[in-house]
C-alpha cells in the first residue's frame, strides 16, 4: 500500500477517534431523527448550486484560452471533484486539466495554470471571510487567530508569485532558465515549454474587468457554501447566529486541506465538531451535524461524478501521458 495513502488512512482514523470519543450513539441517532428535512433539502440545493457556480467560474477563467460549453464544464468539474474526493493526496486535482485538454485545444499545463488562478481566487474570498470572522467574533481561540495570520501570509505569497509570473514574465522565465541550466538540455527545453504553457493559464488576471467579475463570483461561491451550512444548522434546530456558519466553513476548509483518507473521512467530522464547539454545541449534536453535512456533500460529488464519468474517463497513467504530450 502507498505510504501516503496509509498515512492518510491512519490520520483519518485518529481524527475519527477524537470525533466520536465519549459520544453515545443512541444520542446521535436521536438527533438525526429530529432533523428538519425541509431545511436539509435546502442545504442540498445550495451544495449542488455551489458546484454549478464553480464550473461556471472555471469557464470564465478558461475563456482567454478557449470557449467551453457550460455542460462540458459542469461534467468535467463533477468528475474532477469526484477524483479529488476519491484519490488521496490531491492527485485528483489533475483530472480537470486532463479532461479539458481532451475536449478542447487547451494544453493540459495551461489548464493546470487556471486551477492555480482558481485557488488564488478561493483563497482571497476565504481570506476576506476569515478577516470578517476574526473582527466580528472577538472571543475566538488563539490558534484560530494564528492560523488566520499564516493563511494571510500564504495567500499573499501565492498572489505575489502569480502576479510576478504574469507581469514580469520575461524576468521570471529568465530566472527559471538560469536554474534550468543545471538540467540536461532536452529536459530543460521540455520544462521551459511546460512553464510557458502553465503561465498562459494565468492570462485571465490581465483583464481587469474579468478579474473583478471573478472576484465577485468567488465571493458568491463561498457565500452559497455558508448558506448550505446555515440551512443545515437550521435543520438541526441549532439556535446559532449566521456567523457560526462562517466559522464552521473557515475551520472546515482548513481541516480538509489536511491529507487524510479518501472522502475526507475524519478530518471533515473533526473540523465540524471543532467549529460548532466554539458556539457551545455539544459533541453528540455536532457529530450528528458533521455526519449529515459530510453525507450530503460527498453524496453530491459521487452521484454527479458517476453520472458524467462514462463520458469523461481518466486514469493517473492517462494524465501522465497527456503531460508528456504537452512537454513535447
C-alpha atoms as a PDB file:
ATOM      1  CA  UNK A   1       0.000   0.000   0.000  1.00  0.00           C
ATOM      2  CA  UNK A   2       1.204   3.528  -0.869  1.00  0.00           C
ATOM      3  CA  UNK A   3       2.837   5.156   2.177  1.00  0.00           C
ATOM      4  CA  UNK A   4       0.963   8.444   1.701  1.00  0.00           C
ATOM      5  CA  UNK A   5      -2.345   6.601   1.453  1.00  0.00           C
ATOM      6  CA  UNK A   6      -1.539   4.566   4.550  1.00  0.00           C
ATOM      7  CA  UNK A   7      -0.589   7.733   6.454  1.00  0.00           C
ATOM      8  CA  UNK A   8      -3.810   9.428   5.323  1.00  0.00           C
ATOM      9  CA  UNK A   9      -5.952   6.499   6.434  1.00  0.00           C
ATOM     10  CA  UNK A  10      -4.205   6.327   9.825  1.00  0.00           C
ATOM     11  CA  UNK A  11      -4.611  10.090  10.358  1.00  0.00           C
ATOM     12  CA  UNK A  12      -8.258   9.833   9.340  1.00  0.00           C
ATOM     13  CA  UNK A  13      -8.804   7.028  11.864  1.00  0.00           C
ATOM     14  CA  UNK A  14      -7.174   9.119  14.610  1.00  0.00           C
ATOM     15  CA  UNK A  15      -9.444  12.070  13.813  1.00  0.00           C
ATOM     16  CA  UNK A  16     -12.481   9.772  13.743  1.00  0.00           C
ATOM     17  CA  UNK A  17     -11.497   8.505  17.193  1.00  0.00           C
ATOM     18  CA  UNK A  18     -11.280  12.054  18.551  1.00  0.00           C
ATOM     19  CA  UNK A  19     -14.587  12.880  16.858  1.00  0.00           C
ATOM     20  CA  UNK A  20     -16.553  10.023  18.416  1.00  0.00           C
ATOM     21  CA  UNK A  21     -14.721   9.765  21.747  1.00  0.00           C
ATOM     22  CA  UNK A  22     -17.203   9.995  24.607  1.00  0.00           C
ATOM     23  CA  UNK A  23     -20.247  10.067  22.320  1.00  0.00           C
ATOM     24  CA  UNK A  24     -23.159   7.715  22.929  1.00  0.00           C
ATOM     25  CA  UNK A  25     -24.501   6.732  19.538  1.00  0.00           C
ATOM     26  CA  UNK A  26     -28.070   6.481  20.774  1.00  0.00           C
ATOM     27  CA  UNK A  27     -27.887  10.262  21.346  1.00  0.00           C
ATOM     28  CA  UNK A  28     -26.565  10.771  17.826  1.00  0.00           C
ATOM     29  CA  UNK A  29     -29.363   8.670  16.350  1.00  0.00           C
ATOM     30  CA  UNK A  30     -31.922  10.597  18.404  1.00  0.00           C
ATOM     31  CA  UNK A  31     -30.621  13.893  16.991  1.00  0.00           C
ATOM     32  CA  UNK A  32     -30.653  12.503  13.446  1.00  0.00           C
ATOM     33  CA  UNK A  33     -34.307  11.540  13.837  1.00  0.00           C
ATOM     34  CA  UNK A  34     -35.225  15.128  14.742  1.00  0.00           C
ATOM     35  CA  UNK A  35     -33.744  16.666  11.609  1.00  0.00           C
ATOM     36  CA  UNK A  36     -35.980  19.032   9.621  1.00  0.00           C
ATOM     37  CA  UNK A  37     -35.919  17.573   6.109  1.00  0.00           C
ATOM     38  CA  UNK A  38     -37.115  20.816   4.524  1.00  0.00           C
ATOM     39  CA  UNK A  39     -34.007  22.683   5.639  1.00  0.00           C
ATOM     40  CA  UNK A  40     -31.837  19.652   4.809  1.00  0.00           C
ATOM     41  CA  UNK A  41     -33.134  19.694   1.225  1.00  0.00           C
ATOM     42  CA  UNK A  42     -32.400  23.423   1.132  1.00  0.00           C
ATOM     43  CA  UNK A  43     -28.832  22.692   2.211  1.00  0.00           C
ATOM     44  CA  UNK A  44     -28.534  20.072  -0.538  1.00  0.00           C
ATOM     45  CA  UNK A  45     -29.767  22.596  -3.104  1.00  0.00           C
ATOM     46  CA  UNK A  46     -27.050  25.071  -2.096  1.00  0.00           C
ATOM     47  CA  UNK A  47     -24.378  22.327  -2.276  1.00  0.00           C
ATOM     48  CA  UNK A  48     -25.370  21.436  -5.870  1.00  0.00           C
ATOM     49  CA  UNK A  49     -25.697  25.130  -6.786  1.00  0.00           C
ATOM     50  CA  UNK A  50     -22.183  25.781  -5.471  1.00  0.00           C
ATOM     51  CA  UNK A  51     -20.770  23.070  -7.731  1.00  0.00           C
ATOM     52  CA  UNK A  52     -22.580  24.583 -10.735  1.00  0.00           C
ATOM     53  CA  UNK A  53     -21.230  28.040  -9.852  1.00  0.00           C
ATOM     54  CA  UNK A  54     -17.688  26.715  -9.582  1.00  0.00           C
ATOM     55  CA  UNK A  55     -17.913  25.114 -13.026  1.00  0.00           C
ATOM     56  CA  UNK A  56     -19.246  28.368 -14.496  1.00  0.00           C
ATOM     57  CA  UNK A  57     -16.449  30.379 -12.853  1.00  0.00           C
ATOM     58  CA  UNK A  58     -13.848  27.983 -14.247  1.00  0.00           C
ATOM     59  CA  UNK A  59     -15.281  28.623 -17.715  1.00  0.00           C
ATOM     60  CA  UNK A  60     -14.772  32.366 -17.226  1.00  0.00           C
ATOM     61  CA  UNK A  61     -11.135  31.721 -16.221  1.00  0.00           C
ATOM     62  CA  UNK A  62     -10.633  29.497 -19.281  1.00  0.00           C
ATOM     63  CA  UNK A  63     -12.199  31.942 -21.778  1.00  0.00           C
ATOM     64  CA  UNK A  64      -8.907  33.638 -22.816  1.00  0.00           C
ATOM     65  CA  UNK A  65      -7.637  30.174 -23.799  1.00  0.00           C
ATOM     66  CA  UNK A  66     -10.813  28.820 -25.391  1.00  0.00           C
ATOM     67  CA  UNK A  67     -14.582  28.793 -25.014  1.00  0.00           C
ATOM     68  CA  UNK A  68     -16.036  25.618 -23.476  1.00  0.00           C
ATOM     69  CA  UNK A  69     -19.763  24.804 -23.236  1.00  0.00           C
ATOM     70  CA  UNK A  70     -21.295  25.007 -19.776  1.00  0.00           C
ATOM     71  CA  UNK A  71     -22.462  21.381 -19.932  1.00  0.00           C
ATOM     72  CA  UNK A  72     -18.899  20.236 -20.651  1.00  0.00           C
ATOM     73  CA  UNK A  73     -17.565  22.413 -17.839  1.00  0.00           C
ATOM     74  CA  UNK A  74     -20.116  21.034 -15.364  1.00  0.00           C
ATOM     75  CA  UNK A  75     -19.449  17.438 -16.438  1.00  0.00           C
ATOM     76  CA  UNK A  76     -15.658  17.817 -16.185  1.00  0.00           C
ATOM     77  CA  UNK A  77     -15.948  19.661 -12.861  1.00  0.00           C
ATOM     78  CA  UNK A  78     -18.190  16.914 -11.453  1.00  0.00           C
ATOM     79  CA  UNK A  79     -15.765  14.166 -12.473  1.00  0.00           C
ATOM     80  CA  UNK A  80     -12.812  16.255 -11.259  1.00  0.00           C
ATOM     81  CA  UNK A  81     -14.339  16.756  -7.815  1.00  0.00           C
ATOM     82  CA  UNK A  82     -15.042  13.025  -7.633  1.00  0.00           C
ATOM     83  CA  UNK A  83     -11.347  12.410  -8.384  1.00  0.00           C
ATOM     84  CA  UNK A  84     -10.281  14.860  -5.657  1.00  0.00           C
ATOM     85  CA  UNK A  85     -12.509  13.094  -3.115  1.00  0.00           C
ATOM     86  CA  UNK A  86     -11.528   9.581  -4.201  1.00  0.00           C
ATOM     87  CA  UNK A  87      -7.792   9.923  -4.866  1.00  0.00           C
ATOM     88  CA  UNK A  88      -5.580  10.660  -1.887  1.00  0.00           C
ATOM     89  CA  UNK A  89      -3.007  13.487  -1.682  1.00  0.00           C
ATOM     90  CA  UNK A  90      -4.944  15.802  -4.053  1.00  0.00           C
ATOM     91  CA  UNK A  91      -3.667  13.937  -7.124  1.00  0.00           C
ATOM     92  CA  UNK A  92      -7.258  14.181  -8.350  1.00  0.00           C
ATOM     93  CA  UNK A  93      -6.651  17.904  -8.978  1.00  0.00           C
ATOM     94  CA  UNK A  94      -5.029  16.852 -12.283  1.00  0.00           C
ATOM     95  CA  UNK A  95      -8.265  15.291 -13.562  1.00  0.00           C
ATOM     96  CA  UNK A  96      -9.942  18.536 -14.647  1.00  0.00           C
ATOM     97  CA  UNK A  97      -6.936  19.886 -16.604  1.00  0.00           C
ATOM     98  CA  UNK A  98      -6.514  16.467 -18.244  1.00  0.00           C
ATOM     99  CA  UNK A  99     -10.177  16.158 -19.231  1.00  0.00           C
ATOM    100  CA  UNK A 100     -10.498  19.720 -20.545  1.00  0.00           C
ATOM    101  CA  UNK A 101      -7.370  19.155 -22.650  1.00  0.00           C
ATOM    102  CA  UNK A 102      -9.088  16.097 -24.135  1.00  0.00           C
ATOM    103  CA  UNK A 103     -12.158  18.131 -25.109  1.00  0.00           C
ATOM    104  CA  UNK A 104     -10.506  21.330 -26.378  1.00  0.00           C
ATOM    105  CA  UNK A 105      -7.279  22.666 -27.929  1.00  0.00           C
ATOM    106  CA  UNK A 106      -6.216  23.930 -24.484  1.00  0.00           C
ATOM    107  CA  UNK A 107      -2.934  22.439 -23.258  1.00  0.00           C
ATOM    108  CA  UNK A 108      -3.112  20.473 -20.023  1.00  0.00           C
ATOM    109  CA  UNK A 109      -0.364  22.582 -18.428  1.00  0.00           C
ATOM    110  CA  UNK A 110      -2.274  25.781 -19.335  1.00  0.00           C
ATOM    111  CA  UNK A 111      -5.455  24.319 -17.853  1.00  0.00           C
ATOM    112  CA  UNK A 112      -3.449  23.489 -14.733  1.00  0.00           C
ATOM    113  CA  UNK A 113      -2.485  27.163 -14.563  1.00  0.00           C
ATOM    114  CA  UNK A 114      -6.190  28.080 -14.487  1.00  0.00           C
ATOM    115  CA  UNK A 115      -6.631  25.778 -11.486  1.00  0.00           C
ATOM    116  CA  UNK A 116      -3.927  27.792  -9.705  1.00  0.00           C
ATOM    117  CA  UNK A 117      -5.837  31.012 -10.534  1.00  0.00           C
ATOM    118  CA  UNK A 118      -8.984  29.375  -9.179  1.00  0.00           C
ATOM    119  CA  UNK A 119      -7.184  28.546  -5.936  1.00  0.00           C
ATOM    120  CA  UNK A 120      -5.906  32.135  -5.641  1.00  0.00           C
ATOM    121  CA  UNK A 121      -9.456  33.454  -6.076  1.00  0.00           C
ATOM    122  CA  UNK A 122     -10.767  30.989  -3.491  1.00  0.00           C
ATOM    123  CA  UNK A 123      -8.001  31.960  -1.091  1.00  0.00           C
ATOM    124  CA  UNK A 124      -8.811  35.671  -1.483  1.00  0.00           C
ATOM    125  CA  UNK A 125     -12.522  35.068  -0.895  1.00  0.00           C
ATOM    126  CA  UNK A 126     -11.940  32.831   2.129  1.00  0.00           C
ATOM    127  CA  UNK A 127      -9.294  35.229   3.466  1.00  0.00           C
ATOM    128  CA  UNK A 128     -11.812  38.083   3.330  1.00  0.00           C
ATOM    129  CA  UNK A 129     -14.358  35.948   5.166  1.00  0.00           C
ATOM    130  CA  UNK A 130     -11.737  34.903   7.728  1.00  0.00           C
ATOM    131  CA  UNK A 131     -10.806  38.521   8.446  1.00  0.00           C
ATOM    132  CA  UNK A 132     -14.503  39.400   8.855  1.00  0.00           C
ATOM    133  CA  UNK A 133     -14.971  36.475  11.266  1.00  0.00           C
ATOM    134  CA  UNK A 134     -11.923  37.495  13.316  1.00  0.00           C
ATOM    135  CA  UNK A 135     -13.296  41.029  13.588  1.00  0.00           C
ATOM    136  CA  UNK A 136     -16.902  40.086  14.385  1.00  0.00           C
ATOM    137  CA  UNK A 137     -16.166  37.159  16.733  1.00  0.00           C
ATOM    138  CA  UNK A 138     -13.807  38.618  19.334  1.00  0.00           C
ATOM    139  CA  UNK A 139     -13.591  35.574  21.607  1.00  0.00           C
ATOM    140  CA  UNK A 140     -12.043  33.128  19.138  1.00  0.00           C
ATOM    141  CA  UNK A 141      -9.218  30.879  20.389  1.00  0.00           C
ATOM    142  CA  UNK A 142      -5.639  31.987  19.763  1.00  0.00           C
ATOM    143  CA  UNK A 143      -4.921  29.010  17.473  1.00  0.00           C
ATOM    144  CA  UNK A 144      -7.575  30.231  15.030  1.00  0.00           C
ATOM    145  CA  UNK A 145      -6.149  33.760  15.022  1.00  0.00           C
ATOM    146  CA  UNK A 146      -2.633  32.392  14.401  1.00  0.00           C
ATOM    147  CA  UNK A 147      -3.976  30.162  11.625  1.00  0.00           C
ATOM    148  CA  UNK A 148      -5.605  33.211  10.061  1.00  0.00           C
ATOM    149  CA  UNK A 149      -2.290  35.049  10.061  1.00  0.00           C
ATOM    150  CA  UNK A 150      -0.499  32.080   8.450  1.00  0.00           C
ATOM    151  CA  UNK A 151      -3.257  31.791   5.852  1.00  0.00           C
ATOM    152  CA  UNK A 152      -2.906  35.514   5.091  1.00  0.00           C
ATOM    153  CA  UNK A 153       0.863  35.162   4.549  1.00  0.00           C
ATOM    154  CA  UNK A 154       0.435  32.113   2.287  1.00  0.00           C
ATOM    155  CA  UNK A 155      -2.301  33.808   0.256  1.00  0.00           C
ATOM    156  CA  UNK A 156      -0.266  36.994  -0.255  1.00  0.00           C
ATOM    157  CA  UNK A 157       2.767  34.894  -1.256  1.00  0.00           C
ATOM    158  CA  UNK A 158       0.691  32.976  -3.811  1.00  0.00           C
ATOM    159  CA  UNK A 159      -0.724  36.214  -5.249  1.00  0.00           C
ATOM    160  CA  UNK A 160       2.761  37.745  -5.487  1.00  0.00           C
ATOM    161  CA  UNK A 161       4.103  34.675  -7.335  1.00  0.00           C
ATOM    162  CA  UNK A 162       1.231  34.589  -9.843  1.00  0.00           C
ATOM    163  CA  UNK A 163       1.415  38.363 -10.413  1.00  0.00           C
ATOM    164  CA  UNK A 164       5.185  38.162 -10.872  1.00  0.00           C
ATOM    165  CA  UNK A 165       4.898  35.360 -13.423  1.00  0.00           C
ATOM    166  CA  UNK A 166       2.316  37.330 -15.435  1.00  0.00           C
ATOM    167  CA  UNK A 167       3.520  40.929 -15.297  1.00  0.00           C
ATOM    168  CA  UNK A 168       7.227  40.133 -15.140  1.00  0.00           C
ATOM    169  CA  UNK A 169       7.031  37.075 -17.352  1.00  0.00           C
ATOM    170  CA  UNK A 170      10.312  37.522 -19.201  1.00  0.00           C
ATOM    171  CA  UNK A 171      12.219  38.256 -15.992  1.00  0.00           C
ATOM    172  CA  UNK A 172      10.628  35.295 -14.195  1.00  0.00           C
ATOM    173  CA  UNK A 173      11.265  32.928 -17.108  1.00  0.00           C
ATOM    174  CA  UNK A 174      14.861  34.228 -17.331  1.00  0.00           C
ATOM    175  CA  UNK A 175      15.431  33.325 -13.659  1.00  0.00           C
ATOM    176  CA  UNK A 176      13.868  29.906 -14.222  1.00  0.00           C
ATOM    177  CA  UNK A 177      16.017  29.361 -17.323  1.00  0.00           C
ATOM    178  CA  UNK A 178      19.177  30.070 -15.304  1.00  0.00           C
ATOM    179  CA  UNK A 179      18.083  27.366 -12.870  1.00  0.00           C
ATOM    180  CA  UNK A 180      17.321  25.007 -15.776  1.00  0.00           C
ATOM    181  CA  UNK A 181      20.920  25.272 -16.988  1.00  0.00           C
ATOM    182  CA  UNK A 182      21.782  22.716 -14.313  1.00  0.00           C
ATOM    183  CA  UNK A 183      19.414  20.250 -16.006  1.00  0.00           C
ATOM    184  CA  UNK A 184      20.303  18.211 -19.155  1.00  0.00           C
ATOM    185  CA  UNK A 185      19.495  20.085 -22.413  1.00  0.00           C
ATOM    186  CA  UNK A 186      16.479  18.121 -23.675  1.00  0.00           C
ATOM    187  CA  UNK A 187      14.780  18.027 -20.284  1.00  0.00           C
ATOM    188  CA  UNK A 188      15.460  21.757 -19.767  1.00  0.00           C
ATOM    189  CA  UNK A 189      13.758  22.589 -23.098  1.00  0.00           C
ATOM    190  CA  UNK A 190      10.799  20.426 -22.145  1.00  0.00           C
ATOM    191  CA  UNK A 191      10.380  22.093 -18.756  1.00  0.00           C
ATOM    192  CA  UNK A 192      10.755  25.527 -20.397  1.00  0.00           C
ATOM    193  CA  UNK A 193       7.803  24.790 -22.727  1.00  0.00           C
ATOM    194  CA  UNK A 194       5.638  23.485 -19.902  1.00  0.00           C
ATOM    195  CA  UNK A 195       6.324  26.613 -17.820  1.00  0.00           C
ATOM    196  CA  UNK A 196       5.249  28.864 -20.708  1.00  0.00           C
ATOM    197  CA  UNK A 197       2.017  26.884 -21.171  1.00  0.00           C
ATOM    198  CA  UNK A 198       1.451  26.972 -17.417  1.00  0.00           C
ATOM    199  CA  UNK A 199       1.826  30.780 -17.286  1.00  0.00           C
ATOM    200  CA  UNK A 200      -0.624  31.044 -20.222  1.00  0.00           C
ATOM    201  CA  UNK A 201      -3.249  29.740 -17.793  1.00  0.00           C
ATOM    202  CA  UNK A 202      -2.847  32.974 -15.780  1.00  0.00           C
ATOM    203  CA  UNK A 203      -3.902  35.198 -18.703  1.00  0.00           C
ATOM    204  CA  UNK A 204      -7.290  35.999 -17.192  1.00  0.00           C
ATOM    205  CA  UNK A 205      -5.781  38.178 -14.455  1.00  0.00           C
ATOM    206  CA  UNK A 206      -4.525  40.680 -17.063  1.00  0.00           C
ATOM    207  CA  UNK A 207      -8.159  41.551 -17.894  1.00  0.00           C
ATOM    208  CA  UNK A 208      -9.205  43.874 -15.053  1.00  0.00           C
ATOM    209  CA  UNK A 209     -12.953  43.719 -15.771  1.00  0.00           C
ATOM    210  CA  UNK A 210     -12.961  39.929 -15.993  1.00  0.00           C
ATOM    211  CA  UNK A 211     -10.818  39.670 -12.859  1.00  0.00           C
ATOM    212  CA  UNK A 212     -13.233  41.910 -10.925  1.00  0.00           C
ATOM    213  CA  UNK A 213     -16.138  39.752 -12.138  1.00  0.00           C
ATOM    214  CA  UNK A 214     -14.273  36.630 -10.996  1.00  0.00           C
ATOM    215  CA  UNK A 215     -13.658  38.141  -7.548  1.00  0.00           C
ATOM    216  CA  UNK A 216     -17.401  38.782  -7.176  1.00  0.00           C
ATOM    217  CA  UNK A 217     -18.185  35.261  -8.429  1.00  0.00           C
ATOM    218  CA  UNK A 218     -15.737  33.763  -5.924  1.00  0.00           C
ATOM    219  CA  UNK A 219     -17.375  35.657  -3.060  1.00  0.00           C
ATOM    220  CA  UNK A 220     -20.781  34.354  -4.202  1.00  0.00           C
ATOM    221  CA  UNK A 221     -19.453  30.780  -4.398  1.00  0.00           C
ATOM    222  CA  UNK A 222     -18.362  30.804  -0.767  1.00  0.00           C
ATOM    223  CA  UNK A 223     -21.453  32.678   0.437  1.00  0.00           C
ATOM    224  CA  UNK A 224     -23.505  29.882  -1.127  1.00  0.00           C
ATOM    225  CA  UNK A 225     -21.382  27.418   0.855  1.00  0.00           C
ATOM    226  CA  UNK A 226     -22.169  29.395   4.017  1.00  0.00           C
ATOM    227  CA  UNK A 227     -25.870  29.243   3.090  1.00  0.00           C
ATOM    228  CA  UNK A 228     -25.637  25.432   2.789  1.00  0.00           C
ATOM    229  CA  UNK A 229     -24.093  25.192   6.263  1.00  0.00           C
ATOM    230  CA  UNK A 230     -26.570  27.619   7.814  1.00  0.00           C
ATOM    231  CA  UNK A 231     -29.555  25.786   6.284  1.00  0.00           C
ATOM    232  CA  UNK A 232     -28.267  22.558   7.863  1.00  0.00           C
ATOM    233  CA  UNK A 233     -27.801  24.302  11.209  1.00  0.00           C
ATOM    234  CA  UNK A 234     -31.476  25.260  10.983  1.00  0.00           C
ATOM    235  CA  UNK A 235     -32.337  21.659  10.062  1.00  0.00           C
ATOM    236  CA  UNK A 236     -30.891  20.585  13.431  1.00  0.00           C
ATOM    237  CA  UNK A 237     -32.687  23.462  15.175  1.00  0.00           C
ATOM    238  CA  UNK A 238     -29.421  24.919  16.482  1.00  0.00           C
ATOM    239  CA  UNK A 239     -30.139  28.366  17.824  1.00  0.00           C
ATOM    240  CA  UNK A 240     -26.963  29.905  16.409  1.00  0.00           C
ATOM    241  CA  UNK A 241     -26.163  33.181  14.640  1.00  0.00           C
ATOM    242  CA  UNK A 242     -25.309  33.188  10.922  1.00  0.00           C
ATOM    243  CA  UNK A 243     -21.709  33.890  11.977  1.00  0.00           C
ATOM    244  CA  UNK A 244     -21.487  30.274  13.186  1.00  0.00           C
ATOM    245  CA  UNK A 245     -21.873  29.061   9.586  1.00  0.00           C
ATOM    246  CA  UNK A 246     -18.945  31.282   8.528  1.00  0.00           C
ATOM    247  CA  UNK A 247     -16.750  29.965  11.356  1.00  0.00           C
ATOM    248  CA  UNK A 248     -17.589  26.325  10.588  1.00  0.00           C
ATOM    249  CA  UNK A 249     -16.816  26.902   6.900  1.00  0.00           C
ATOM    250  CA  UNK A 250     -13.408  28.502   7.594  1.00  0.00           C
ATOM    251  CA  UNK A 251     -12.374  25.719  10.009  1.00  0.00           C
ATOM    252  CA  UNK A 252     -13.675  23.034   7.645  1.00  0.00           C
ATOM    253  CA  UNK A 253     -11.663  24.435   4.713  1.00  0.00           C
ATOM    254  CA  UNK A 254      -8.524  24.253   6.857  1.00  0.00           C
ATOM    255  CA  UNK A 255      -9.462  20.781   8.073  1.00  0.00           C
ATOM    256  CA  UNK A 256      -9.996  19.153   4.680  1.00  0.00           C
ATOM    257  CA  UNK A 257      -6.717  20.628   3.417  1.00  0.00           C
ATOM    258  CA  UNK A 258      -5.023  18.010   5.616  1.00  0.00           C
ATOM    259  CA  UNK A 259      -4.277  14.906   3.500  1.00  0.00           C
ATOM    260  CA  UNK A 260      -6.242  12.078   5.104  1.00  0.00           C
ATOM    261  CA  UNK A 261      -8.248   9.135   3.839  1.00  0.00           C
ATOM    262  CA  UNK A 262     -10.199   9.462   0.561  1.00  0.00           C
ATOM    263  CA  UNK A 263     -13.525  11.223   1.035  1.00  0.00           C
ATOM    264  CA  UNK A 264     -12.175  13.491   3.803  1.00  0.00           C
ATOM    265  CA  UNK A 265     -13.301  10.938   6.387  1.00  0.00           C
ATOM    266  CA  UNK A 266     -12.213  12.002   9.850  1.00  0.00           C
ATOM    267  CA  UNK A 267     -10.887  15.494   9.184  1.00  0.00           C
ATOM    268  CA  UNK A 268     -14.297  16.688   7.911  1.00  0.00           C
ATOM    269  CA  UNK A 269     -16.090  15.461  11.028  1.00  0.00           C
ATOM    270  CA  UNK A 270     -13.481  16.704  13.476  1.00  0.00           C
ATOM    271  CA  UNK A 271     -13.425  20.164  11.853  1.00  0.00           C
ATOM    272  CA  UNK A 272     -17.228  20.475  12.080  1.00  0.00           C
ATOM    273  CA  UNK A 273     -17.230  19.423  15.747  1.00  0.00           C
ATOM    274  CA  UNK A 274     -14.394  21.838  16.495  1.00  0.00           C
ATOM    275  CA  UNK A 275     -16.176  24.728  14.786  1.00  0.00           C
ATOM    276  CA  UNK A 276     -19.513  24.110  16.489  1.00  0.00           C
ATOM    277  CA  UNK A 277     -17.862  23.674  19.889  1.00  0.00           C
ATOM    278  CA  UNK A 278     -16.901  27.374  19.724  1.00  0.00           C
ATOM    279  CA  UNK A 279     -20.625  28.139  19.912  1.00  0.00           C
ATOM    280  CA  UNK A 280     -21.402  25.738  22.752  1.00  0.00           C
ATOM    281  CA  UNK A 281     -22.862  22.901  20.665  1.00  0.00           C
ATOM    282  CA  UNK A 282     -22.460  19.568  22.490  1.00  0.00           C
ATOM    283  CA  UNK A 283     -20.368  16.879  20.805  1.00  0.00           C
ATOM    284  CA  UNK A 284     -23.256  14.433  20.074  1.00  0.00           C
ATOM    285  CA  UNK A 285     -25.251  17.148  18.301  1.00  0.00           C
ATOM    286  CA  UNK A 286     -22.154  18.432  16.484  1.00  0.00           C
ATOM    287  CA  UNK A 287     -21.252  14.897  15.372  1.00  0.00           C
ATOM    288  CA  UNK A 288     -24.783  14.393  14.014  1.00  0.00           C
ATOM    289  CA  UNK A 289     -24.413  17.628  12.038  1.00  0.00           C
ATOM    290  CA  UNK A 290     -20.995  16.536  10.729  1.00  0.00           C
ATOM    291  CA  UNK A 291     -22.371  13.165   9.596  1.00  0.00           C
ATOM    292  CA  UNK A 292     -25.238  14.697   7.627  1.00  0.00           C
ATOM    293  CA  UNK A 293     -23.194  17.547   6.118  1.00  0.00           C
ATOM    294  CA  UNK A 294     -20.456  15.127   5.056  1.00  0.00           C
ATOM    295  CA  UNK A 295     -23.034  12.718   3.617  1.00  0.00           C
ATOM    296  CA  UNK A 296     -24.851  15.407   1.605  1.00  0.00           C
ATOM    297  CA  UNK A 297     -21.598  16.904   0.270  1.00  0.00           C
ATOM    298  CA  UNK A 298     -19.884  13.640  -0.656  1.00  0.00           C
ATOM    299  CA  UNK A 299     -23.094  12.083  -1.998  1.00  0.00           C
ATOM    300  CA  UNK A 300     -23.482  15.091  -4.313  1.00  0.00           C
ATOM    301  CA  UNK A 301     -19.889  14.744  -5.527  1.00  0.00           C
ATOM    302  CA  UNK A 302     -20.188  10.970  -6.014  1.00  0.00           C
ATOM    303  CA  UNK A 303     -23.589  10.965  -7.738  1.00  0.00           C
ATOM    304  CA  UNK A 304     -22.773  13.800 -10.143  1.00  0.00           C
ATOM    305  CA  UNK A 305     -19.301  12.367 -10.761  1.00  0.00           C
ATOM    306  CA  UNK A 306     -20.616   8.882 -11.520  1.00  0.00           C
ATOM    307  CA  UNK A 307     -23.276  10.295 -13.877  1.00  0.00           C
ATOM    308  CA  UNK A 308     -20.657  12.039 -16.030  1.00  0.00           C
ATOM    309  CA  UNK A 309     -17.777   9.571 -15.564  1.00  0.00           C
ATOM    310  CA  UNK A 310     -18.685   7.317 -18.535  1.00  0.00           C
ATOM    311  CA  UNK A 311     -18.189  10.338 -20.837  1.00  0.00           C
ATOM    312  CA  UNK A 312     -15.078  11.610 -19.041  1.00  0.00           C
ATOM    313  CA  UNK A 313     -12.879   8.635 -18.254  1.00  0.00           C
ATOM    314  CA  UNK A 314      -9.341   9.092 -16.978  1.00  0.00           C
ATOM    315  CA  UNK A 315      -6.537   7.366 -15.092  1.00  0.00           C
ATOM    316  CA  UNK A 316      -3.334   8.541 -13.439  1.00  0.00           C
ATOM    317  CA  UNK A 317      -1.325   6.964 -16.273  1.00  0.00           C
ATOM    318  CA  UNK A 318      -3.503   8.786 -18.848  1.00  0.00           C
ATOM    319  CA  UNK A 319      -2.845  12.107 -17.110  1.00  0.00           C
ATOM    320  CA  UNK A 320       0.900  11.412 -17.095  1.00  0.00           C
ATOM    321  CA  UNK A 321       0.866  10.631 -20.836  1.00  0.00           C
ATOM    322  CA  UNK A 322      -1.048  13.843 -21.548  1.00  0.00           C
ATOM    323  CA  UNK A 323       1.501  15.883 -19.601  1.00  0.00           C
ATOM    324  CA  UNK A 324       4.260  14.233 -21.685  1.00  0.00           C
ATOM    325  CA  UNK A 325       2.432  15.279 -24.869  1.00  0.00           C
ATOM    326  CA  UNK A 326       2.251  18.821 -23.522  1.00  0.00           C
ATOM    327  CA  UNK A 327       6.003  18.736 -22.958  1.00  0.00           C
ATOM    328  CA  UNK A 328       6.651  17.607 -26.459  1.00  0.00           C
END
